Amino acid sequence: MKETVEIRLPKKLLYKLMLMAHEQDITLNQLIENILVKTIKEHKEDRITTHEKHQEWLKNVRKTEY
């Protein structure tokens, strides 16, 4: 499912992204979409890893006798 997102970028960054898109022979929109998808995926994976670590920590704390 695709969404429309408005992004405001400084001109210097915009030009750099335009050049990157040109070098990859893709549109600027496709480059930005690729960056967003990758970043979201990494964030989700990081959250899962953090959640798993937290769950493991909780198990260890519950096993500890005081």
PDB file of N, CA and C in Angstrom:
ATOM      1  N   MET A   1       0.832  -1.171   0.000  1.00  0.00           N
ATOM      2  CA  MET A   1       0.000   0.000   0.000  1.00  0.00           C
ATOM      3  C   MET A   1       0.885   1.246   0.000  1.00  0.00           C
ATOM      4  N   LYS A   2       0.717   2.086  -0.954  1.00  0.00           N
ATOM      5  CA  LYS A   2       1.542   3.282  -1.076  1.00  0.00           C
ATOM      6  C   LYS A   2       0.832   4.471  -0.454  1.00  0.00           C
ATOM      7  N   GLU A   3       1.611   5.337   0.140  1.00  0.00           N
ATOM      8  CA  GLU A   3       1.123   6.565   0.748  1.00  0.00           C
ATOM      9  C   GLU A   3       1.840   7.746   0.101  1.00  0.00           C
ATOM     10  N   THR A   4       1.226   8.877   0.157  1.00  0.00           N
ATOM     11  CA  THR A   4       1.858  10.103  -0.316  1.00  0.00           C
ATOM     12  C   THR A   4       2.419  10.831   0.891  1.00  0.00           C
ATOM     13  N   VAL A   5       3.688  11.194   0.814  1.00  0.00           N
ATOM     14  CA  VAL A   5       4.352  11.874   1.915  1.00  0.00           C
ATOM     15  C   VAL A   5       5.058  13.099   1.355  1.00  0.00           C
ATOM     16  N   GLU A   6       4.834  14.242   1.976  1.00  0.00           N
ATOM     17  CA  GLU A   6       5.533  15.455   1.562  1.00  0.00           C
ATOM     18  C   GLU A   6       6.779  15.600   2.426  1.00  0.00           C
ATOM     19  N   ILE A   7       7.908  15.783   1.780  1.00  0.00           N
ATOM     20  CA  ILE A   7       9.181  15.908   2.486  1.00  0.00           C
ATOM     21  C   ILE A   7       9.845  17.208   2.055  1.00  0.00           C
ATOM     22  N   ARG A   8      10.258  17.985   3.025  1.00  0.00           N
ATOM     23  CA  ARG A   8      10.986  19.223   2.738  1.00  0.00           C
ATOM     24  C   ARG A   8      12.468  18.975   3.031  1.00  0.00           C
ATOM     25  N   LEU A   9      13.283  19.218   2.032  1.00  0.00           N
ATOM     26  CA  LEU A   9      14.715  18.965   2.161  1.00  0.00           C
ATOM     27  C   LEU A   9      15.493  20.242   1.854  1.00  0.00           C
ATOM     28  N   PRO A  10      16.598  20.453   2.550  1.00  0.00           N
ATOM     29  CA  PRO A  10      17.463  21.571   2.198  1.00  0.00           C
ATOM     30  C   PRO A  10      17.982  21.382   0.764  1.00  0.00           C
ATOM     31  N   LYS A  11      18.182  22.488   0.069  1.00  0.00           N
ATOM     32  CA  LYS A  11      18.600  22.408  -1.333  1.00  0.00           C
ATOM     33  C   LYS A  11      19.882  21.601  -1.514  1.00  0.00           C
ATOM     34  N   LYS A  12      20.829  21.779  -0.628  1.00  0.00           N
ATOM     35  CA  LYS A  12      22.101  21.066  -0.744  1.00  0.00           C
ATOM     36  C   LYS A  12      21.882  19.553  -0.696  1.00  0.00           C
ATOM     37  N   LEU A  13      21.042  19.091   0.233  1.00  0.00           N
ATOM     38  CA  LEU A  13      20.739  17.667   0.343  1.00  0.00           C
ATOM     39  C   LEU A  13      19.937  17.200  -0.870  1.00  0.00           C
ATOM     40  N   LEU A  14      18.994  18.014  -1.309  1.00  0.00           N
ATOM     41  CA  LEU A  14      18.186  17.672  -2.469  1.00  0.00           C
ATOM     42  C   LEU A  14      19.070  17.450  -3.695  1.00  0.00           C
ATOM     43  N   TYR A  15      20.026  18.332  -3.917  1.00  0.00           N
ATOM     44  CA  TYR A  15      20.936  18.183  -5.062  1.00  0.00           C
ATOM     45  C   TYR A  15      21.776  16.918  -4.946  1.00  0.00           C
ATOM     46  N   LYS A  16      22.225  16.627  -3.730  1.00  0.00           N
ATOM     47  CA  LYS A  16      23.011  15.409  -3.520  1.00  0.00           C
ATOM     48  C   LYS A  16      22.165  14.170  -3.832  1.00  0.00           C
ATOM     49  N   LEU A  17      20.912  14.159  -3.377  1.00  0.00           N
ATOM     50  CA  LEU A  17      20.024  13.031  -3.650  1.00  0.00           C
ATOM     51  C   LEU A  17      19.716  12.924  -5.136  1.00  0.00           C
ATOM     52  N   MET A  18      19.551  14.061  -5.800  1.00  0.00           N
ATOM     53  CA  MET A  18      19.303  14.043  -7.242  1.00  0.00           C
ATOM     54  C   MET A  18      20.471  13.401  -7.979  1.00  0.00           C
ATOM     55  N   LEU A  19      21.676  13.747  -7.570  1.00  0.00           N
ATOM     56  CA  LEU A  19      22.871  13.170  -8.192  1.00  0.00           C
ATOM     57  C   LEU A  19      22.947  11.671  -7.921  1.00  0.00           C
ATOM     58  N   MET A  20      22.639  11.267  -6.695  1.00  0.00           N
ATOM     59  CA  MET A  20      22.645   9.838  -6.356  1.00  0.00           C
ATOM     60  C   MET A  20      21.629   9.081  -7.202  1.00  0.00           C
ATOM     61  N   ALA A  21      20.445   9.646  -7.361  1.00  0.00           N
ATOM     62  CA  ALA A  21      19.409   9.005  -8.173  1.00  0.00           C
ATOM     63  C   ALA A  21      19.877   8.885  -9.616  1.00  0.00           C
ATOM     64  N   HIS A  22      20.483   9.944 -10.133  1.00  0.00           N
ATOM     65  CA  HIS A  22      20.987   9.925 -11.506  1.00  0.00           C
ATOM     66  C   HIS A  22      22.045   8.830 -11.679  1.00  0.00           C
ATOM     67  N   GLU A  23      22.948   8.735 -10.707  1.00  0.00           N
ATOM     68  CA  GLU A  23      24.012   7.720 -10.775  1.00  0.00           C
ATOM     69  C   GLU A  23      23.444   6.306 -10.747  1.00  0.00           C
ATOM     70  N   GLN A  24      22.304   6.128 -10.076  1.00  0.00           N
ATOM     71  CA  GLN A  24      21.675   4.803  -9.991  1.00  0.00           C
ATOM     72  C   GLN A  24      20.659   4.588 -11.106  1.00  0.00           C
ATOM     73  N   ASP A  25      20.501   5.581 -11.959  1.00  0.00           N
ATOM     74  CA  ASP A  25      19.560   5.538 -13.088  1.00  0.00           C
ATOM     75  C   ASP A  25      18.127   5.252 -12.624  1.00  0.00           C
ATOM     76  N   ILE A  26      17.735   5.945 -11.539  1.00  0.00           N
ATOM     77  CA  ILE A  26      16.371   5.860 -11.032  1.00  0.00           C
ATOM     78  C   ILE A  26      15.871   7.277 -10.775  1.00  0.00           C
ATOM     79  N   THR A  27      14.567   7.407 -10.553  1.00  0.00           N
ATOM     80  CA  THR A  27      14.017   8.732 -10.279  1.00  0.00           C
ATOM     81  C   THR A  27      14.342   9.149  -8.846  1.00  0.00           C
ATOM     82  N   LEU A  28      14.267  10.435  -8.609  1.00  0.00           N
ATOM     83  CA  LEU A  28      14.468  10.952  -7.261  1.00  0.00           C
ATOM     84  C   LEU A  28      13.423  10.359  -6.314  1.00  0.00           C
ATOM     85  N   ASN A  29      12.182  10.283  -6.776  1.00  0.00           N
ATOM     86  CA  ASN A  29      11.124   9.697  -5.951  1.00  0.00           C
ATOM     87  C   ASN A  29      11.452   8.250  -5.577  1.00  0.00           C
ATOM     88  N   GLN A  30      11.951   7.479  -6.534  1.00  0.00           N
ATOM     89  CA  GLN A  30      12.288   6.076  -6.253  1.00  0.00           C
ATOM     90  C   GLN A  30      13.428   5.983  -5.240  1.00  0.00           C
ATOM     91  N   LEU A  31      14.423   6.850  -5.382  1.00  0.00           N
ATOM     92  CA  LEU A  31      15.540   6.849  -4.440  1.00  0.00           C
ATOM     93  C   LEU A  31      15.041   7.146  -3.032  1.00  0.00           C
ATOM     94  N   ILE A  32      14.221   8.183  -2.895  1.00  0.00           N
ATOM     95  CA  ILE A  32      13.709   8.552  -1.576  1.00  0.00           C
ATOM     96  C   ILE A  32      12.828   7.449  -1.011  1.00  0.00           C
ATOM     97  N   GLU A  33      12.018   6.835  -1.855  1.00  0.00           N
ATOM     98  CA  GLU A  33      11.193   5.705  -1.402  1.00  0.00           C
ATOM     99  C   GLU A  33      12.088   4.570  -0.910  1.00  0.00           C
ATOM    100  N   ASN A  34      13.148   4.246  -1.661  1.00  0.00           N
ATOM    101  CA  ASN A  34      14.080   3.184  -1.259  1.00  0.00           C
ATOM    102  C   ASN A  34      14.696   3.498   0.104  1.00  0.00           C
ATOM    103  N   ILE A  35      15.094   4.743   0.291  1.00  0.00           N
ATOM    104  CA  ILE A  35      15.706   5.159   1.554  1.00  0.00           C
ATOM    105  C   ILE A  35      14.705   5.020   2.701  1.00  0.00           C
ATOM    106  N   LEU A  36      13.478   5.474   2.473  1.00  0.00           N
ATOM    107  CA  LEU A  36      12.454   5.390   3.519  1.00  0.00           C
ATOM    108  C   LEU A  36      12.112   3.946   3.870  1.00  0.00           C
ATOM    109  N   VAL A  37      11.943   3.111   2.857  1.00  0.00           N
ATOM    110  CA  VAL A  37      11.609   1.704   3.097  1.00  0.00           C
ATOM    111  C   VAL A  37      12.731   1.019   3.872  1.00  0.00           C
ATOM    112  N   LYS A  38      13.975   1.252   3.467  1.00  0.00           N
ATOM    113  CA  LYS A  38      15.117   0.643   4.149  1.00  0.00           C
ATOM    114  C   LYS A  38      15.198   1.120   5.597  1.00  0.00           C
ATOM    115  N   THR A  39      15.000   2.407   5.813  1.00  0.00           N
ATOM    116  CA  THR A  39      15.078   2.964   7.158  1.00  0.00           C
ATOM    117  C   THR A  39      13.976   2.418   8.048  1.00  0.00           C
ATOM    118  N   ILE A  40      12.765   2.327   7.521  1.00  0.00           N
ATOM    119  CA  ILE A  40      11.652   1.775   8.292  1.00  0.00           C
ATOM    120  C   ILE A  40      11.912   0.317   8.630  1.00  0.00           C
ATOM    121  N   LYS A  41      12.402  -0.451   7.661  1.00  0.00           N
ATOM    122  CA  LYS A  41      12.703  -1.865   7.892  1.00  0.00           C
ATOM    123  C   LYS A  41      13.763  -2.025   8.983  1.00  0.00           C
ATOM    124  N   GLU A  42      14.827  -1.217   8.904  1.00  0.00           N
ATOM    125  CA  GLU A  42      15.884  -1.287   9.912  1.00  0.00           C
ATOM    126  C   GLU A  42      15.346  -0.908  11.285  1.00  0.00           C
ATOM    127  N   HIS A  43      14.474   0.091  11.322  1.00  0.00           N
ATOM    128  CA  HIS A  43      13.893   0.520  12.594  1.00  0.00           C
ATOM    129  C   HIS A  43      13.044  -0.593  13.196  1.00  0.00           C
ATOM    130  N   LYS A  44      12.243  -1.249  12.357  1.00  0.00           N
ATOM    131  CA  LYS A  44      11.411  -2.353  12.841  1.00  0.00           C
ATOM    132  C   LYS A  44      12.273  -3.493  13.357  1.00  0.00           C
ATOM    133  N   GLU A  45      13.327  -3.832  12.616  1.00  0.00           N
ATOM    134  CA  GLU A  45      14.227  -4.911  13.041  1.00  0.00           C
ATOM    135  C   GLU A  45      14.908  -4.546  14.358  1.00  0.00           C
ATOM    136  N   ASP A  46      15.297  -3.286  14.489  1.00  0.00           N
ATOM    137  CA  ASP A  46      15.951  -2.825  15.710  1.00  0.00           C
ATOM    138  C   ASP A  46      14.981  -2.895  16.886  1.00  0.00           C
ATOM    139  N   ARG A  47      13.726  -2.533  16.650  1.00  0.00           N
ATOM    140  CA  ARG A  47      12.717  -2.605  17.708  1.00  0.00           C
ATOM    141  C   ARG A  47      12.491  -4.039  18.130  1.00  0.00           C
ATOM    142  N   ILE A  48      12.465  -4.954  17.165  1.00  0.00           N
ATOM    143  CA  ILE A  48      12.270  -6.369  17.480  1.00  0.00           C
ATOM    144  C   ILE A  48      13.439  -6.870  18.309  1.00  0.00           C
ATOM    145  N   THR A  49      14.643  -6.542  17.883  1.00  0.00           N
ATOM    146  CA  THR A  49      15.838  -6.963  18.618  1.00  0.00           C
ATOM    147  C   THR A  49      15.809  -6.396  20.032  1.00  0.00           C
ATOM    148  N   THR A  50      15.465  -5.126  20.152  1.00  0.00           N
ATOM    149  CA  THR A  50      15.394  -4.495  21.467  1.00  0.00           C
ATOM    150  C   THR A  50      14.329  -5.171  22.315  1.00  0.00           C
ATOM    151  N   HIS A  51      13.192  -5.471  21.721  1.00  0.00           N
ATOM    152  CA  HIS A  51      12.108  -6.142  22.446  1.00  0.00           C
ATOM    153  C   HIS A  51      12.564  -7.528  22.912  1.00  0.00           C
ATOM    154  N   GLU A  52      13.229  -8.268  22.031  1.00  0.00           N
ATOM    155  CA  GLU A  52      13.710  -9.604  22.403  1.00  0.00           C
ATOM    156  C   GLU A  52      14.714  -9.517  23.548  1.00  0.00           C
ATOM    157  N   LYS A  53      15.610  -8.541  23.481  1.00  0.00           N
ATOM    158  CA  LYS A  53      16.593  -8.369  24.557  1.00  0.00           C
ATOM    159  C   LYS A  53      15.890  -8.030  25.870  1.00  0.00           C
ATOM    160  N   HIS A  54      14.887  -7.192  25.783  1.00  0.00           N
ATOM    161  CA  HIS A  54      14.135  -6.818  26.973  1.00  0.00           C
ATOM    162  C   HIS A  54      13.425  -8.031  27.566  1.00  0.00           C
ATOM    163  N   GLN A  55      12.820  -8.845  26.723  1.00  0.00           N
ATOM    164  CA  GLN A  55      12.133 -10.049  27.198  1.00  0.00           C
ATOM    165  C   GLN A  55      13.117 -11.006  27.867  1.00  0.00           C
ATOM    166  N   GLU A  56      14.289 -11.158  27.283  1.00  0.00           N
ATOM    167  CA  GLU A  56      15.312 -12.031  27.864  1.00  0.00           C
ATOM    168  C   GLU A  56      15.754 -11.485  29.220  1.00  0.00           C
ATOM    169  N   TRP A  57      15.932 -10.189  29.309  1.00  0.00           N
ATOM    170  CA  TRP A  57      16.324  -9.555  30.562  1.00  0.00           C
ATOM    171  C   TRP A  57      15.256  -9.798  31.629  1.00  0.00           C
ATOM    172  N   LEU A  58      13.975  -9.643  31.238  1.00  0.00           N
ATOM    173  CA  LEU A  58      12.882  -9.880  32.185  1.00  0.00           C
ATOM    174  C   LEU A  58      12.891 -11.321  32.690  1.00  0.00           C
ATOM    175  N   LYS A  59      13.133 -12.279  31.798  1.00  0.00           N
ATOM    176  CA  LYS A  59      13.198 -13.683  32.211  1.00  0.00           C
ATOM    177  C   LYS A  59      14.295 -13.883  33.246  1.00  0.00           C
ATOM    178  N   ASN A  60      15.445 -13.287  32.986  1.00  0.00           N
ATOM    179  CA  ASN A  60      16.572 -13.420  33.912  1.00  0.00           C
ATOM    180  C   ASN A  60      16.270 -12.773  35.256  1.00  0.00           C
ATOM    181  N   VAL A  61      15.611 -11.636  35.223  1.00  0.00           N
ATOM    182  CA  VAL A  61      15.262 -10.940  36.475  1.00  0.00           C
ATOM    183  C   VAL A  61      14.280 -11.800  37.264  1.00  0.00           C
ATOM    184  N   ARG A  62      13.319 -12.400  36.588  1.00  0.00           N
ATOM    185  CA  ARG A  62      12.328 -13.222  37.282  1.00  0.00           C
ATOM    186  C   ARG A  62      12.957 -14.472  37.888  1.00  0.00           C
ATOM    187  N   LYS A  63      14.020 -14.961  37.274  1.00  0.00           N
ATOM    188  CA  LYS A  63      14.695 -16.157  37.790  1.00  0.00           C
ATOM    189  C   LYS A  63      15.541 -15.844  39.021  1.00  0.00           C
ATOM    190  N   THR A  64      15.932 -14.587  39.139  1.00  0.00           N
ATOM    191  CA  THR A  64      16.822 -14.186  40.226  1.00  0.00           C
ATOM    192  C   THR A  64      16.041 -14.162  41.545  1.00  0.00           C
ATOM    193  N   GLU A  65      16.599 -14.801  42.551  1.00  0.00           N
ATOM    194  CA  GLU A  65      15.976 -14.798  43.881  1.00  0.00           C
ATOM    195  C   GLU A  65      16.588 -13.685  44.691  1.00  0.00           C
ATOM    196  N   TYR A  66      15.724 -13.015  45.422  1.00  0.00           N
ATOM    197  CA  TYR A  66      16.207 -11.916  46.267  1.00  0.00           C
ATOM    198  C   TYR A  66      16.214 -12.321  47.707  1.00  0.00           C
TER     199      TYR A  66
END
